[in-house]
Structure formats: structure tokens, C-alpha cells
Amino acid sequence: MSLADLLTDLPEIAVHTPAADITRTSLVASANRLGAVLGEAGLATGQVVAAMLPNDATTVAALFGTWRAGGVYTPLNPRAADAEVASQLDALCPVAVITTPALAHRFSASGLTVVTGDDLDWKSTPSGRLPAVPRQYDSDVALLQFTSGTTGPPKPVPLRHTTVLDLIDRLLSKLRGAKSSAAKPNRAPMPNLVPLSLSLWAGIYQVLFAFRAGSGVVLMDRFSPPEFAALVARHQLRSTVLPPAALTMLLHEESVTELTPLKIVRSITAPLSPVQARRFRDRFGVIVLNSYGQTELGGEVVGWSAADAREWGETKLGSVGRPLPGIDVTITDDEVMVRTPTTAARKIDPAFLDRLTDDGWFHTGDLGWFDEDGFLWLDGRVSDMINRGGLKVFPGTVEDVLLAADGVREAAVVGVPDERLGEVPWAFVARTEKGLTEDDLISWCRQRLTPYRVPARVVFVEALPRNDVGKVVKRELASLADV
């Protein structure tokens, strides 16, 4: 089975957007038409198709149309600069580019076949050329996704049909408890609200997850707290996913006073602080459950079951849950290591050569620990850990303390070079109360942290810099310390 087969068992309305509701029949027909267009353009199995598209049903059709033609889909971010897009095209060597009529001019100098999609219809430029040496993958590679670039230049990571399907089925099995991932629920499943761009793997994954579960999707053009609240009410959503940045926006949006009938939010792309999770629960009566996965792994590998949520949801706020069935997770030198049934085989992909052990353990680059009940807790990135004179400072521990202070909206802690100690923690804080001072927060931390964990400085910022999936880009904060 490939991901292309997920179109076969969808509800009558497959995609909800602010502008229209798209039927399963229309979506399938559009995907088939695109597959034919790509075949006529010379696409062969395992070759790359790049796509720069908005968050709408045409993008979903493009994804499945590429797969039905045997291609490898690669999303390009419309917000990327022209120079970055040109560099990505040079690296990808795609056979064709899929975009909208409004964005087609960005590829006019590429010489490639440009397929434009509008209202689920497709048109192709007749003069496009094939690259001299197109990238070629085996038939199981579904998608190339550029990493978020938080620790270095973005690089394309190959994701496989079998790997993604395997992880989705494991997650569905855990969420449904004793029920099989293929079992039909007693009532029609809710549509899955996708609050992220479909140029990101996290956004695409949520579409695939919904389709595998037999539900439709609700697409947002861009996240807005009032629009999110309206969609929750319109579609009567009892659970959904949100990145931490969106959760924080909701917390501080005065016009949103309730999220009925929402009961559970799964925090994706990055863990939400327990402090923020409690605030969200107290304000909206909604439990926030973190989850954990990485683009390189192909999906979620640690999460919550319905039974875990009922028993531990209130007491384990902030944990990312327990490993999915058949997934091995261990801690080595404070780093989270993951082994799945498919990781050992990933050595064939160059992007994984330096991150896989000989026996299939994947270096995630994340710091973490297990509690006595087997729940995993994260403490940030290995690259973010601060060595203060030989003593380890985990940024997440300090950030949680800062977030608990009145007047703090967001906080991030980074290591800054220090002549005597090597490096020391600095805190960067976005505040809600202008009267809050650096001395106030230093004093707050001294009462709650061992001395070496207390920030050497607190710098106030308007907002924390985040990438497109909502992760804080800490290297940008570290650069502020040099100003």
C-alpha cells in the first residue's frame, strides 16, 4: 500500500475550507487529472515534483496526484525568498513544478515544466524541459521535506510511504486503545483541523493522519485565534492539534472566551511548557497533551492513549507521553534515542548516515528523561544545553520557572559565551506587563532554582523568533547577546 491509496475511503466532504467544501469525488478527479498531466510532462517513477501552493484543496489534490503518477512530492514554502527557492530547485532537480497562476512567475526563469492549479483544475506549460540529470529515488520514497533549519541550513529528508503509514497506524492504534487502527469508529469521525501550512511536513502529516482515520480535514489559510474558535464551534471539534505558538496566541486573545466543545488539544511540532498547559486548561477547560516526533523519523513516535489521558492527563501535563507500540525509546547521555522498525534501513539515505547507530538507534538531538511511570519529558535540544563551568543547565527547566512568573508571555533560555565559566544562561522574555523588570525575574529565579541555573541576564523582547512550525530559533536570540 502507498499513501496514494488513502483517497479511497474518505467521507463525502473530504476538505473543508473557508471558501468551499470539497467532495471526495472532486478531490479524486483532480488528483487523477494532475497525475495524467505529470505523466505527459515526462515524469517517471521516483522522480521529484516540487510544489509551491497555498493551504487549500488544490494542494491536497497536488499531493495525491503526484503520488498517483509515481512522483516524489516536495513542498516549497511560498514565504521563502527567491534565492532560497532557486537553491532548493538546484538541489532537487525536479521534473516539474506545481504552483498557482499567481505564483507561476517565480519559476519563469527555471526552464522547467510548470503546472498551474486553480479551483482543482490543472494546466501545463508546453515548453518545459526535463533536467539533464533528474533526482531519482526508488518507488517507496513519497516525499522530500526540507528540515526546519533550527540548527543549520535546511536539507531535504526523504520520507517513505511504508514508514509514514506504519507510524500513523501505530498512533491510531494507541489513540483508539484496544481497537484496531483499521476498525471503524461507532460514529463518523470529526474532521481534523490543520492549523499549519501544507508546505510543512507537520501540516501534510495531519492531512494523511486524517485520511487514514477515514475523516476529512479543515484547512486554515493562516492561524487566527478568532477563526480557530469559530471552526471549533462550526465543526463541533472535541479534539484537535496545535503548535505551541498558536496555543500561546489563544491564551492571550481576549476576544476568545470559550472553545466549546473542545476537550483535548495535542501540542505538535514542539512540546508546550507545563505552565502554559495549565493556563490553557484553567482558561478554557481543555487538556493539552504534548506529543513527540521528528520529520526525519516520518511522524509521531511518542504520544498519549485515550486511557493515559483519562488517568494521567491532569498530573503529567508537559510530558510528551509514552512510546507508541513497537517503538523503542531510550536515554543515552541525556539524549533521546529512538529505534523504529524502519530506522535501520534508513542508512541508505545520506541524510541519516551520521545519526544512526549500527543497530538502528536514531540520534534525535533532543534532551529528555523518563519518569517512574514511563512518561517521556523533554528538556530542549542537545545543542542548546548550557555548560556553566562544568555544570549542565537544561534550558527547559529554567524556561518553565520564568513562564510561571506573572507578566511573562513567553521565555527562552540560551547559552552565551563567558570568559570565566565558558558559557552562562541568558533569558529572553516577552512580557505582558511593562512594569516587570530584569531584577524581578532574577529574584524570582533565585527563589526557585539552584544558583548555577539562574540566568545571568534577562533581556526583554517583543516576541520570540520562531520558524514556520513554531519552534523558537535560539541562534537568533544568541546573536542579540552580541549587540
Protein backbone atom coordinates (compact mmCIF):
# COMPACT_ATOMS: atom_id res chain seq x y z
CA MET A 1 0.00 0.00 0.00
CA SER A 2 1.15 3.56 -0.70
CA LEU A 3 -0.05 6.89 0.63
CA ALA A 4 -1.83 7.44 -2.68
CA ASP A 5 -4.37 4.80 -1.61
CA LEU A 6 -5.61 6.99 1.27
CA LEU A 7 -8.04 8.69 -1.11
CA THR A 8 -10.16 5.56 -1.38
CA ASP A 9 -12.07 5.72 1.92
CA LEU A 10 -12.95 9.34 2.68
CA PRO A 11 -16.21 10.94 3.83
CA GLU A 12 -18.38 12.66 1.25
CA ILE A 13 -16.88 16.05 2.17
CA ALA A 14 -13.12 15.46 2.14
CA VAL A 15 -11.82 19.03 2.58
CA HIS A 16 -13.41 22.00 4.36
CA THR A 17 -12.02 25.48 3.65
CA PRO A 18 -13.33 28.95 4.50
CA ALA A 19 -14.34 29.33 0.84
CA ALA A 20 -15.84 25.93 0.00
CA ASP A 21 -16.42 22.31 0.94
CA ILE A 22 -14.75 19.87 -1.47
CA THR A 23 -16.25 16.46 -2.11
CA ARG A 24 -14.30 13.22 -2.24
CA THR A 25 -15.30 12.78 -5.88
CA SER A 26 -13.96 16.21 -6.88
CA LEU A 27 -10.71 15.66 -4.99
CA VAL A 28 -10.08 12.25 -6.56
CA ALA A 29 -10.89 13.54 -10.05
CA SER A 30 -8.47 16.45 -9.62
CA ALA A 31 -5.68 14.16 -8.38
CA ASN A 32 -6.20 11.85 -11.35
CA ARG A 33 -6.10 14.76 -13.81
CA LEU A 34 -2.86 16.04 -12.35
CA GLY A 35 -1.34 12.56 -12.47
CA ALA A 36 -2.11 12.44 -16.18
CA VAL A 37 -0.61 15.91 -16.76
CA LEU A 38 2.60 14.95 -14.94
CA GLY A 39 2.86 11.73 -16.94
CA GLU A 40 2.55 13.71 -20.19
CA ALA A 41 5.32 16.03 -18.92
CA GLY A 42 7.69 13.05 -18.74
CA LEU A 43 7.59 12.23 -15.02
CA ALA A 44 8.93 8.75 -14.27
CA THR A 45 8.51 6.76 -11.06
CA GLY A 46 10.79 8.05 -8.29
CA GLN A 47 11.45 11.45 -9.85
CA VAL A 48 10.84 14.72 -8.00
CA VAL A 49 7.98 17.18 -8.35
CA ALA A 50 8.29 20.50 -6.50
CA ALA A 51 5.16 22.32 -5.34
CA MET A 52 4.56 25.89 -4.15
CA LEU A 53 0.91 26.11 -3.20
CA PRO A 54 -1.44 27.72 -0.64
CA ASN A 55 -3.47 25.95 2.05
CA ASP A 56 -6.43 24.76 0.06
CA ALA A 57 -7.93 21.68 -1.57
CA THR A 58 -5.83 22.13 -4.71
CA THR A 59 -2.74 21.46 -2.61
CA VAL A 60 -4.20 18.22 -1.27
CA ALA A 61 -5.04 17.15 -4.83
CA ALA A 62 -1.46 18.02 -5.88
CA LEU A 63 -0.03 15.79 -3.18
CA PHE A 64 -2.05 12.77 -4.22
CA GLY A 65 -1.83 13.50 -7.94
CA THR A 66 1.96 13.40 -7.69
CA TRP A 67 1.85 10.06 -5.91
CA ARG A 68 -0.64 8.60 -8.37
CA ALA A 69 1.85 9.46 -11.13
CA GLY A 70 4.67 7.77 -9.16
CA GLY A 71 6.42 11.02 -8.27
CA VAL A 72 8.21 12.24 -5.15
CA TYR A 73 6.45 15.32 -3.78
CA THR A 74 8.50 18.22 -2.38
CA PRO A 75 6.75 21.28 -0.90
CA LEU A 76 8.31 24.71 -1.28
CA ASN A 77 7.36 27.49 1.12
CA PRO A 78 5.69 30.46 -0.62
CA ARG A 79 7.26 32.70 2.04
CA ALA A 80 10.80 31.67 1.04
CA ALA A 81 12.97 34.23 -0.75
CA ASP A 82 13.63 33.76 -4.48
CA ALA A 83 17.31 32.95 -3.83
CA GLU A 84 16.35 30.18 -1.40
CA VAL A 85 13.82 28.72 -3.85
CA ALA A 86 16.42 28.76 -6.64
CA SER A 87 18.90 26.96 -4.38
CA GLN A 88 16.31 24.32 -3.49
CA LEU A 89 15.43 23.74 -7.15
CA ASP A 90 19.13 23.27 -7.93
CA ALA A 91 19.36 20.66 -5.17
CA LEU A 92 16.10 18.89 -6.09
CA CYS A 93 16.45 18.68 -9.91
CA PRO A 94 12.64 18.29 -10.24
CA VAL A 95 10.93 17.16 -13.42
CA ALA A 96 8.15 19.72 -12.90
CA VAL A 97 6.90 22.45 -10.60
CA ILE A 98 3.28 22.69 -9.43
CA THR A 99 2.06 26.12 -8.38
CA THR A 100 -0.79 28.61 -8.80
CA PRO A 101 -1.24 31.08 -11.67
CA ALA A 102 -0.43 33.90 -9.22
CA LEU A 103 2.92 32.31 -8.23
CA ALA A 104 3.95 30.93 -11.63
CA HIS A 105 6.17 33.97 -12.35
CA ARG A 106 8.56 32.81 -9.61
CA PHE A 107 9.52 29.86 -11.84
CA SER A 108 9.56 31.60 -15.23
CA ALA A 109 13.37 31.57 -15.38
CA SER A 110 13.73 27.93 -14.30
CA GLY A 111 13.02 26.47 -17.74
CA LEU A 112 11.09 23.65 -16.05
CA THR A 113 7.62 22.42 -16.85
CA VAL A 114 5.27 24.49 -14.69
CA VAL A 115 1.85 23.04 -13.92
CA THR A 116 -0.62 25.56 -12.53
CA GLY A 117 -3.62 24.61 -10.43
CA ASP A 118 -6.70 26.72 -9.91
CA ASP A 119 -10.04 25.55 -8.50
CA LEU A 120 -8.89 21.90 -8.74
CA ASP A 121 -8.10 22.22 -12.45
CA TRP A 122 -4.61 21.92 -14.00
CA LYS A 123 -2.74 23.49 -16.89
CA SER A 124 0.81 22.79 -18.05
CA THR A 125 3.35 24.96 -19.88
CA PRO A 126 4.17 23.33 -23.22
CA SER A 127 7.82 24.43 -23.39
CA GLY A 128 9.20 23.00 -20.16
CA ARG A 129 12.38 20.94 -20.28
CA LEU A 130 13.48 17.94 -18.26
CA PRO A 131 16.58 18.38 -16.08
CA ALA A 132 19.77 16.87 -17.52
CA VAL A 133 20.10 14.53 -14.54
CA PRO A 134 16.84 14.41 -12.55
CA ARG A 135 16.93 13.13 -8.99
CA GLN A 136 15.85 9.52 -8.87
CA TYR A 137 14.53 7.52 -5.92
CA ASP A 138 13.04 4.08 -5.51
CA SER A 139 9.27 3.73 -5.65
CA ASP A 140 8.79 3.72 -1.86
CA VAL A 141 10.01 7.32 -1.42
CA ALA A 142 6.94 9.53 -1.13
CA LEU A 143 8.21 12.94 -0.23
CA LEU A 144 11.28 15.10 0.25
CA GLN A 145 10.82 17.52 3.13
CA PHE A 146 13.29 20.28 3.92
CA THR A 147 14.12 20.35 7.63
CA SER A 148 13.18 23.40 9.68
CA GLY A 149 16.74 24.74 9.80
CA THR A 150 16.82 25.48 13.55
CA THR A 151 20.37 24.08 13.89
CA GLY A 152 21.75 24.58 10.38
CA PRO A 153 20.85 25.03 6.71
CA PRO A 154 17.64 23.20 5.72
CA LYS A 155 18.26 19.90 3.94
CA PRO A 156 15.86 17.59 2.09
CA VAL A 157 14.95 14.43 4.00
CA PRO A 158 13.33 11.51 2.15
CA LEU A 159 10.16 10.10 3.72
CA ARG A 160 8.81 6.71 2.66
CA HIS A 161 5.27 5.52 2.02
CA THR A 162 5.75 2.45 4.23
CA THR A 163 7.38 4.36 7.09
CA VAL A 164 4.70 7.05 7.29
CA LEU A 165 1.84 4.55 7.05
CA ASP A 166 3.43 2.37 9.72
CA LEU A 167 3.79 5.27 12.19
CA ILE A 168 0.27 6.59 11.53
CA ASP A 169 -1.19 3.14 12.15
CA ARG A 170 0.77 2.80 15.39
CA LEU A 171 -0.52 6.19 16.55
CA LEU A 172 -4.10 5.34 15.61
CA SER A 173 -3.79 2.05 17.47
CA LYS A 174 -2.61 3.87 20.58
CA LEU A 175 -5.24 6.60 20.41
CA ARG A 176 -8.04 4.08 19.95
CA GLY A 177 -6.78 1.75 22.64
CA ALA A 178 -7.88 -1.84 22.10
CA LYS A 179 -9.50 -1.05 18.75
CA SER A 180 -7.55 -1.85 15.61
CA SER A 181 -6.30 1.11 13.59
CA ALA A 182 -8.40 -0.24 10.73
CA ALA A 183 -11.57 -0.58 12.85
CA LYS A 184 -14.44 1.73 12.01
CA PRO A 185 -15.48 4.10 14.81
CA ASN A 186 -19.06 3.91 16.08
CA ARG A 187 -19.80 7.40 14.77
CA ALA A 188 -18.50 9.41 11.85
CA PRO A 189 -15.06 10.79 12.76
CA MET A 190 -14.65 14.50 13.24
CA PRO A 191 -12.71 16.32 10.55
CA ASN A 192 -9.11 17.01 11.50
CA LEU A 193 -8.34 20.73 11.75
CA VAL A 194 -4.95 21.50 10.19
CA PRO A 195 -3.57 24.75 11.67
CA LEU A 196 -0.23 24.58 9.83
CA SER A 197 0.95 25.32 6.32
CA LEU A 198 0.88 22.43 3.85
CA SER A 199 4.39 23.45 2.84
CA LEU A 200 5.46 21.87 6.16
CA TRP A 201 5.65 18.18 6.98
CA ALA A 202 3.61 18.72 10.15
CA GLY A 203 0.76 20.11 8.05
CA ILE A 204 0.95 17.35 5.42
CA TYR A 205 1.16 14.69 8.14
CA GLN A 206 -2.09 15.91 9.69
CA VAL A 207 -3.87 15.52 6.33
CA LEU A 208 -2.52 11.99 5.92
CA PHE A 209 -3.41 11.11 9.51
CA ALA A 210 -7.00 12.27 8.96
CA PHE A 211 -7.41 10.39 5.70
CA ARG A 212 -6.00 7.20 7.21
CA ALA A 213 -8.54 7.55 10.04
CA GLY A 214 -11.32 7.98 7.47
CA SER A 215 -12.05 11.62 8.29
CA GLY A 216 -11.89 14.84 6.32
CA VAL A 217 -9.77 17.90 7.03
CA VAL A 218 -10.43 21.54 7.84
CA LEU A 219 -7.78 23.82 6.32
CA MET A 220 -6.89 27.27 7.64
CA ASP A 221 -5.18 29.73 5.32
CA ARG A 222 -3.23 31.07 8.29
CA PHE A 223 -3.78 30.74 12.02
CA SER A 224 -6.10 33.26 13.66
CA PRO A 225 -7.45 32.70 17.21
CA PRO A 226 -10.99 34.01 16.44
CA GLU A 227 -11.19 31.93 13.25
CA PHE A 228 -9.92 28.86 15.10
CA ALA A 229 -12.59 29.27 17.78
CA ALA A 230 -15.25 29.67 15.09
CA LEU A 231 -14.11 26.49 13.30
CA VAL A 232 -14.15 24.51 16.55
CA ALA A 233 -17.78 25.55 17.09
CA ARG A 234 -18.83 25.08 13.45
CA HIS A 235 -17.43 21.55 13.18
CA GLN A 236 -18.09 20.64 16.83
CA LEU A 237 -14.50 19.55 17.35
CA ARG A 238 -13.80 17.66 20.58
CA SER A 239 -10.08 17.32 19.92
CA THR A 240 -7.52 18.94 17.64
CA VAL A 241 -3.81 19.69 17.25
CA LEU A 242 -2.00 23.00 17.70
CA PRO A 243 1.64 24.16 17.77
CA PRO A 244 2.82 25.98 20.94
CA ALA A 245 2.85 29.38 19.24
CA ALA A 246 -0.85 29.02 18.36
CA LEU A 247 -1.70 27.89 21.88
CA THR A 248 0.07 30.96 23.26
CA MET A 249 -1.83 33.22 20.86
CA LEU A 250 -5.13 31.75 22.04
CA LEU A 251 -4.17 32.25 25.68
CA HIS A 252 -3.63 35.95 25.09
CA GLU A 253 -6.54 36.62 22.71
CA GLU A 254 -9.15 38.46 24.76
CA SER A 255 -11.88 38.05 22.12
CA VAL A 256 -11.79 34.23 22.50
CA THR A 257 -13.62 33.36 25.70
CA GLU A 258 -14.53 29.72 25.09
CA LEU A 259 -13.66 26.76 22.88
CA THR A 260 -16.73 24.56 23.40
CA PRO A 261 -16.96 21.58 22.79
CA LEU A 262 -13.16 21.14 22.66
CA LYS A 263 -11.83 18.78 25.34
CA ILE A 264 -8.29 17.86 24.26
CA VAL A 265 -5.56 19.62 22.29
CA ARG A 266 -2.47 17.71 21.19
CA SER A 267 0.55 20.02 21.06
CA ILE A 268 2.61 19.30 17.93
CA THR A 269 5.95 20.43 16.39
CA ALA A 270 7.37 21.26 19.84
CA PRO A 271 6.37 20.49 23.44
CA LEU A 272 4.34 23.05 25.36
CA SER A 273 5.55 24.07 28.80
CA PRO A 274 3.57 22.56 31.70
CA VAL A 275 2.98 26.13 32.89
CA GLN A 276 1.30 27.10 29.63
CA ALA A 277 -0.61 23.80 29.55
CA ARG A 278 -2.08 24.53 33.00
CA ARG A 279 -3.01 28.07 31.99
CA PHE A 280 -4.77 26.75 28.89
CA ARG A 281 -6.67 24.17 30.95
CA ASP A 282 -7.66 26.76 33.57
CA ARG A 283 -8.88 29.27 30.99
CA PHE A 284 -10.68 27.00 28.50
CA GLY A 285 -11.22 23.74 30.39
CA VAL A 286 -9.15 21.93 27.72
CA ILE A 287 -6.37 19.46 28.50
CA VAL A 288 -3.18 19.95 26.47
CA LEU A 289 -1.24 16.76 25.72
CA ASN A 290 2.22 17.01 24.21
CA SER A 291 3.42 14.56 21.59
CA TYR A 292 6.81 13.85 20.06
CA GLY A 293 8.16 13.04 16.63
CA GLN A 294 10.59 14.36 14.05
CA THR A 295 10.49 14.96 10.33
CA GLU A 296 13.41 12.59 9.90
CA LEU A 297 11.53 9.78 11.64
CA GLY A 298 8.47 10.28 9.46
CA GLY A 299 5.92 11.07 12.14
CA GLU A 300 4.96 10.79 15.79
CA VAL A 301 6.77 8.17 17.90
CA VAL A 302 5.70 9.12 21.44
CA GLY A 303 2.22 10.16 22.47
CA TRP A 304 -0.86 9.62 24.59
CA SER A 305 -3.53 6.96 24.50
CA ALA A 306 -7.12 7.74 25.47
CA ALA A 307 -6.63 5.67 28.64
CA ASP A 308 -3.43 7.54 29.54
CA ALA A 309 -5.19 10.85 29.03
CA ARG A 310 -8.01 9.84 31.39
CA GLU A 311 -5.67 8.56 34.09
CA TRP A 312 -2.68 10.89 33.80
CA GLY A 313 -3.78 13.90 31.75
CA GLU A 314 -4.01 16.24 34.73
CA THR A 315 -0.91 15.04 36.59
CA LYS A 316 1.51 14.63 33.67
CA LEU A 317 0.92 17.97 31.94
CA GLY A 318 4.07 18.74 29.97
CA SER A 319 5.11 15.15 29.29
CA VAL A 320 5.09 14.02 25.66
CA GLY A 321 3.54 10.69 26.69
CA ARG A 322 4.80 7.14 26.28
CA PRO A 323 6.31 5.41 23.21
CA LEU A 324 3.92 4.11 20.58
CA PRO A 325 3.53 0.33 20.22
CA GLY A 326 6.64 -1.22 18.69
CA ILE A 327 8.75 1.93 19.07
CA ASP A 328 11.88 1.77 21.24
CA VAL A 329 12.98 4.92 23.07
CA THR A 330 15.93 5.21 25.45
CA ILE A 331 18.07 7.95 27.00
CA THR A 332 21.83 7.94 26.36
CA ASP A 333 23.96 10.72 27.87
CA ASP A 334 20.76 12.76 28.35
CA GLU A 335 19.86 12.42 24.64
CA VAL A 336 16.65 10.80 23.42
CA MET A 337 17.40 7.85 21.15
CA VAL A 338 14.67 6.24 19.03
CA ARG A 339 14.52 2.95 17.16
CA THR A 340 11.56 2.05 14.94
CA PRO A 341 11.01 -0.99 12.71
CA THR A 342 12.28 1.09 9.77
CA THR A 343 15.16 3.18 11.15
CA ALA A 344 17.87 0.58 10.49
CA ALA A 345 17.02 0.66 6.79
CA ARG A 346 17.40 4.46 6.64
CA LYS A 347 21.19 4.19 6.28
CA ILE A 348 20.59 4.05 2.55
CA ASP A 349 19.61 7.73 2.78
CA PRO A 350 22.64 10.07 3.04
CA ALA A 351 20.79 12.39 5.45
CA PHE A 352 20.86 9.63 8.10
CA LEU A 353 24.43 8.36 7.87
CA ASP A 354 25.74 10.33 10.86
CA ARG A 355 22.61 9.95 13.02
CA LEU A 356 22.08 6.19 13.06
CA THR A 357 23.97 3.63 15.10
CA ASP A 358 24.85 0.26 13.60
CA ASP A 359 21.89 -1.34 15.38
CA GLY A 360 19.33 1.21 14.20
CA TRP A 361 19.16 3.76 17.04
CA PHE A 362 18.48 7.28 15.80
CA HIS A 363 20.14 10.29 17.47
CA THR A 364 17.26 12.75 17.86
CA GLY A 365 19.37 15.62 19.20
CA ASP A 366 16.77 16.18 21.94
CA LEU A 367 17.40 16.13 25.68
CA GLY A 368 14.98 14.15 27.79
CA TRP A 369 14.26 11.78 30.67
CA PHE A 370 11.71 9.16 31.69
CA ASP A 371 9.75 9.33 34.93
CA GLU A 372 8.87 6.33 37.09
CA ASP A 373 5.66 5.72 35.10
CA GLY A 374 7.40 5.57 31.73
CA PHE A 375 6.40 9.05 30.53
CA LEU A 376 8.97 10.95 28.49
CA TRP A 377 9.82 14.56 29.33
CA LEU A 378 11.91 16.83 27.10
CA ASP A 379 14.45 19.43 28.17
CA GLY A 380 15.34 21.06 24.85
CA ARG A 381 17.98 20.32 22.24
CA VAL A 382 21.39 18.79 22.92
CA SER A 383 22.87 21.74 21.04
CA ASP A 384 21.03 24.12 23.41
CA MET A 385 22.32 22.59 26.65
CA ILE A 386 24.43 25.10 28.57
CA ASN A 387 27.70 24.07 30.23
CA ARG A 388 28.22 26.60 33.01
CA GLY A 389 31.65 25.90 34.43
CA GLY A 390 31.15 22.14 34.05
CA LEU A 391 27.57 22.15 35.36
CA LYS A 392 24.72 21.30 32.98
CA VAL A 393 21.89 23.78 32.64
CA PHE A 394 18.85 22.45 30.81
CA PRO A 395 17.08 25.44 29.20
CA GLY A 396 13.61 23.92 29.57
CA THR A 397 13.89 23.78 33.36
CA VAL A 398 14.71 27.50 33.56
CA GLU A 399 12.09 28.45 30.97
CA ASP A 400 9.33 26.74 32.98
CA VAL A 401 10.26 28.77 36.06
CA LEU A 402 10.24 32.02 34.08
CA LEU A 403 6.88 31.24 32.49
CA ALA A 404 5.35 30.76 35.92
CA ALA A 405 6.09 34.40 36.83
CA ASP A 406 3.28 36.92 36.50
CA GLY A 407 3.64 39.13 33.46
CA VAL A 408 5.64 36.63 31.35
CA ARG A 409 4.12 35.73 27.99
CA GLU A 410 7.00 33.70 26.51
CA ALA A 411 10.53 32.83 27.58
CA ALA A 412 13.57 31.18 26.06
CA VAL A 413 16.99 30.50 27.60
CA VAL A 414 20.22 30.25 25.59
CA GLY A 415 23.91 29.89 26.39
CA VAL A 416 26.11 32.95 25.94
CA PRO A 417 29.96 32.77 25.95
CA ASP A 418 31.60 33.77 29.23
CA GLU A 419 35.36 34.21 29.77
CA ARG A 420 35.38 32.65 33.27
CA LEU A 421 32.71 29.92 33.05
CA GLY A 422 32.71 29.06 29.36
CA GLU A 423 29.06 29.98 28.94
CA VAL A 424 26.20 31.22 31.07
CA PRO A 425 22.41 31.19 30.62
CA TRP A 426 20.68 34.31 29.37
CA ALA A 427 16.91 34.57 29.36
CA PHE A 428 14.91 36.29 26.62
CA VAL A 429 11.41 37.20 27.74
CA ALA A 430 8.32 38.59 26.06
CA ARG A 431 6.22 40.20 28.80
CA THR A 432 2.61 41.19 29.20
CA GLU A 433 3.32 43.74 31.94
CA LYS A 434 5.75 46.55 31.10
CA GLY A 435 6.43 47.12 34.78
CA LEU A 436 8.16 43.73 35.06
CA THR A 437 11.92 44.24 35.42
CA GLU A 438 15.07 42.18 35.00
CA ASP A 439 15.69 42.32 38.75
CA ASP A 440 12.16 41.00 39.39
CA LEU A 441 12.78 37.91 37.29
CA ILE A 442 16.31 37.28 38.56
CA SER A 443 14.94 37.38 42.12
CA TRP A 444 12.06 35.06 41.11
CA CYS A 445 14.53 32.55 39.67
CA ARG A 446 16.87 32.70 42.69
CA GLN A 447 13.99 31.61 44.93
CA ARG A 448 13.21 28.60 42.72
CA LEU A 449 16.43 27.42 41.08
CA THR A 450 19.87 26.29 42.21
CA PRO A 451 22.29 29.20 41.79
CA TYR A 452 24.09 27.96 38.66
CA ARG A 453 20.75 27.69 36.79
CA VAL A 454 19.75 31.31 37.48
CA PRO A 455 20.07 33.43 34.30
CA ALA A 456 23.00 35.83 34.26
CA ARG A 457 20.87 38.29 32.30
CA VAL A 458 17.24 38.80 31.34
CA VAL A 459 16.62 40.56 28.04
CA PHE A 460 13.11 41.71 27.13
CA VAL A 461 11.93 41.25 23.53
CA GLU A 462 8.66 41.98 21.78
CA ALA A 463 8.31 38.34 20.68
CA LEU A 464 10.48 35.24 20.40
CA PRO A 465 11.73 34.50 16.86
CA ARG A 466 10.04 31.35 15.55
CA ASN A 467 10.28 29.36 12.36
CA ASP A 468 7.30 28.26 10.29
CA VAL A 469 6.45 25.30 12.54
CA GLY A 470 6.53 27.48 15.68
CA LYS A 471 9.88 26.42 17.12
CA VAL A 472 11.97 29.15 18.75
CA VAL A 473 15.07 29.91 16.66
CA LYS A 474 17.54 30.21 19.51
CA ARG A 475 20.55 31.13 17.39
CA GLU A 476 18.78 34.42 16.60
CA LEU A 477 18.41 35.11 20.31
CA ALA A 478 22.06 34.26 20.98
CA SER A 479 23.07 36.83 18.36
CA LEU A 480 21.26 39.53 20.38
CA ALA A 481 23.72 38.98 23.22
CA ASP A 482 26.49 40.31 20.95
CA VAL A 483 24.69 43.61 20.34
